Amino acid sequence: MVEPRFKSSLTMEEIENNFKDIDFFDGIMDGLEETLAFIKGKAADETLARKRSLPNVNVAEIRATLDMTQRAFAELLGVSCRTVEAWESGKSTPTPTAKKLMYLIQSDHSLIQKL
């Protein structure tokens, strides 16, 4: 098995200094405790404030209202035609960034000209 190698512009000393005061185990435990509190409905306010809701988008509906082919819509969003097909068929879901972009386009069709 080949050992993975990572390249960085930082020296080993700089990397070690960046992580010297970080306890990864405590960070993982904090995350698990936040998750459990959220599931039980007892999450702290700051936990809920960090959660972002994404807009619901219907890819096929948005594309249809724009009167665009899957290929043209894919080019507009910077993804492949197969990606749009997968979104529309439910085989995959758009990334958060793609969802936000489609939501904005749906809200304001003039953005197409700017893109």
Protein backbone atom coordinates (compact mmCIF):
# COMPACT_ATOMS: atom_id res chain seq x y z
CA MET A 1 0.00 0.00 0.00
CA VAL A 2 1.30 3.44 -0.95
CA GLU A 3 1.41 6.01 1.81
CA PRO A 4 -0.45 9.21 0.79
CA ARG A 5 1.67 12.35 0.49
CA PHE A 6 0.29 15.84 0.87
CA LYS A 7 1.95 18.99 -0.41
CA SER A 8 1.79 22.25 1.47
CA SER A 9 3.44 25.63 1.25
CA LEU A 10 3.77 25.54 5.05
CA THR A 11 6.73 24.07 6.87
CA MET A 12 6.18 21.19 9.29
CA GLU A 13 6.84 23.60 12.15
CA GLU A 14 4.11 25.99 10.89
CA ILE A 15 1.66 23.11 10.54
CA GLU A 16 2.42 21.87 14.05
CA ASN A 17 2.02 25.41 15.44
CA ASN A 18 -1.39 25.73 13.76
CA PHE A 19 -2.62 22.63 15.58
CA LYS A 20 -0.72 22.81 18.87
CA ASP A 21 -3.66 24.02 20.96
CA ILE A 22 -6.31 21.88 19.27
CA ASP A 23 -7.66 18.76 20.89
CA PHE A 24 -9.31 16.87 18.05
CA PHE A 25 -10.98 14.37 20.39
CA ASP A 26 -12.67 17.19 22.32
CA GLY A 27 -13.85 18.71 19.03
CA ILE A 28 -15.37 15.41 17.92
CA MET A 29 -17.04 14.92 21.30
CA ASP A 30 -18.45 18.45 21.23
CA GLY A 31 -19.94 17.79 17.79
CA LEU A 32 -21.47 14.51 18.92
CA GLU A 33 -22.94 16.14 22.03
CA GLU A 34 -24.41 18.97 19.91
CA THR A 35 -25.94 16.38 17.58
CA LEU A 36 -27.49 14.44 20.44
CA ALA A 37 -28.88 17.64 21.99
CA PHE A 38 -30.33 18.64 18.62
CA ILE A 39 -32.01 15.24 18.18
CA LYS A 40 -33.50 15.52 21.67
CA GLY A 41 -34.72 19.06 20.92
CA LYS A 42 -32.39 20.59 23.49
CA ALA A 43 -29.84 22.24 21.22
CA ALA A 44 -28.29 25.50 22.35
CA ASP A 45 -29.34 28.63 20.45
CA GLU A 46 -25.90 29.03 18.90
CA THR A 47 -26.11 25.50 17.49
CA LEU A 48 -29.35 26.25 15.69
CA ALA A 49 -28.07 29.61 14.47
CA ARG A 50 -25.30 27.85 12.55
CA LYS A 51 -27.70 25.59 10.71
CA ARG A 52 -28.63 26.94 7.28
CA SER A 53 -31.68 25.89 5.41
CA LEU A 54 -31.41 25.47 1.68
CA PRO A 55 -34.17 26.45 -0.71
CA ASN A 56 -36.24 23.67 -2.20
CA VAL A 57 -35.81 23.59 -5.94
CA ASN A 58 -37.50 21.56 -8.63
CA VAL A 59 -34.83 21.40 -11.31
CA ALA A 60 -37.13 20.22 -14.11
CA GLU A 61 -39.71 22.88 -13.27
CA ILE A 62 -37.16 25.70 -13.17
CA ARG A 63 -35.64 24.57 -16.47
CA ALA A 64 -39.08 24.30 -18.07
CA THR A 65 -40.09 27.80 -16.98
CA LEU A 66 -36.90 29.07 -18.60
CA ASP A 67 -37.72 27.13 -21.77
CA MET A 68 -34.20 25.66 -21.83
CA THR A 69 -32.88 22.27 -22.87
CA GLN A 70 -31.03 20.19 -20.32
CA ARG A 71 -27.80 20.91 -22.19
CA ALA A 72 -28.35 24.69 -22.16
CA PHE A 73 -29.36 24.64 -18.50
CA ALA A 74 -26.28 22.56 -17.63
CA GLU A 75 -24.03 25.05 -19.44
CA LEU A 76 -25.67 27.93 -17.59
CA LEU A 77 -24.98 26.26 -14.23
CA GLY A 78 -21.52 25.01 -15.17
CA VAL A 79 -22.35 21.32 -14.79
CA SER A 80 -22.66 18.42 -17.18
CA CYS A 81 -25.86 17.49 -18.97
CA ARG A 82 -25.77 14.15 -17.12
CA THR A 83 -25.76 16.01 -13.83
CA VAL A 84 -28.95 17.87 -14.76
CA GLU A 85 -30.50 14.57 -15.91
CA ALA A 86 -29.59 12.96 -12.57
CA TRP A 87 -31.08 15.86 -10.62
CA GLU A 88 -34.30 15.75 -12.60
CA SER A 89 -34.67 11.99 -12.27
CA GLY A 90 -33.93 12.05 -8.54
CA LYS A 91 -30.77 9.96 -8.84
CA SER A 92 -28.80 12.75 -7.18
CA THR A 93 -29.44 16.10 -5.58
CA PRO A 94 -27.91 19.46 -6.46
CA THR A 95 -25.07 20.78 -4.34
CA PRO A 96 -25.96 23.57 -1.91
CA THR A 97 -24.34 26.11 -4.24
CA ALA A 98 -26.29 24.83 -7.25
CA LYS A 99 -29.53 24.93 -5.24
CA LYS A 100 -28.92 28.53 -4.25
CA LEU A 101 -28.07 29.53 -7.81
CA MET A 102 -31.18 27.86 -9.23
CA TYR A 103 -33.30 29.47 -6.53
CA LEU A 104 -31.93 32.90 -7.46
CA ILE A 105 -32.47 32.26 -11.18
CA GLN A 106 -36.03 31.10 -10.46
CA SER A 107 -36.67 34.30 -8.50
CA ASP A 108 -35.13 36.60 -11.12
CA HIS A 109 -34.88 35.36 -14.71
CA SER A 110 -32.79 38.40 -15.66
CA LEU A 111 -29.85 36.75 -13.90
CA ILE A 112 -29.53 34.41 -16.89
CA GLN A 113 -28.30 37.31 -19.00
CA LYS A 114 -25.71 38.19 -16.36
CA LEU A 115 -24.47 34.62 -16.19
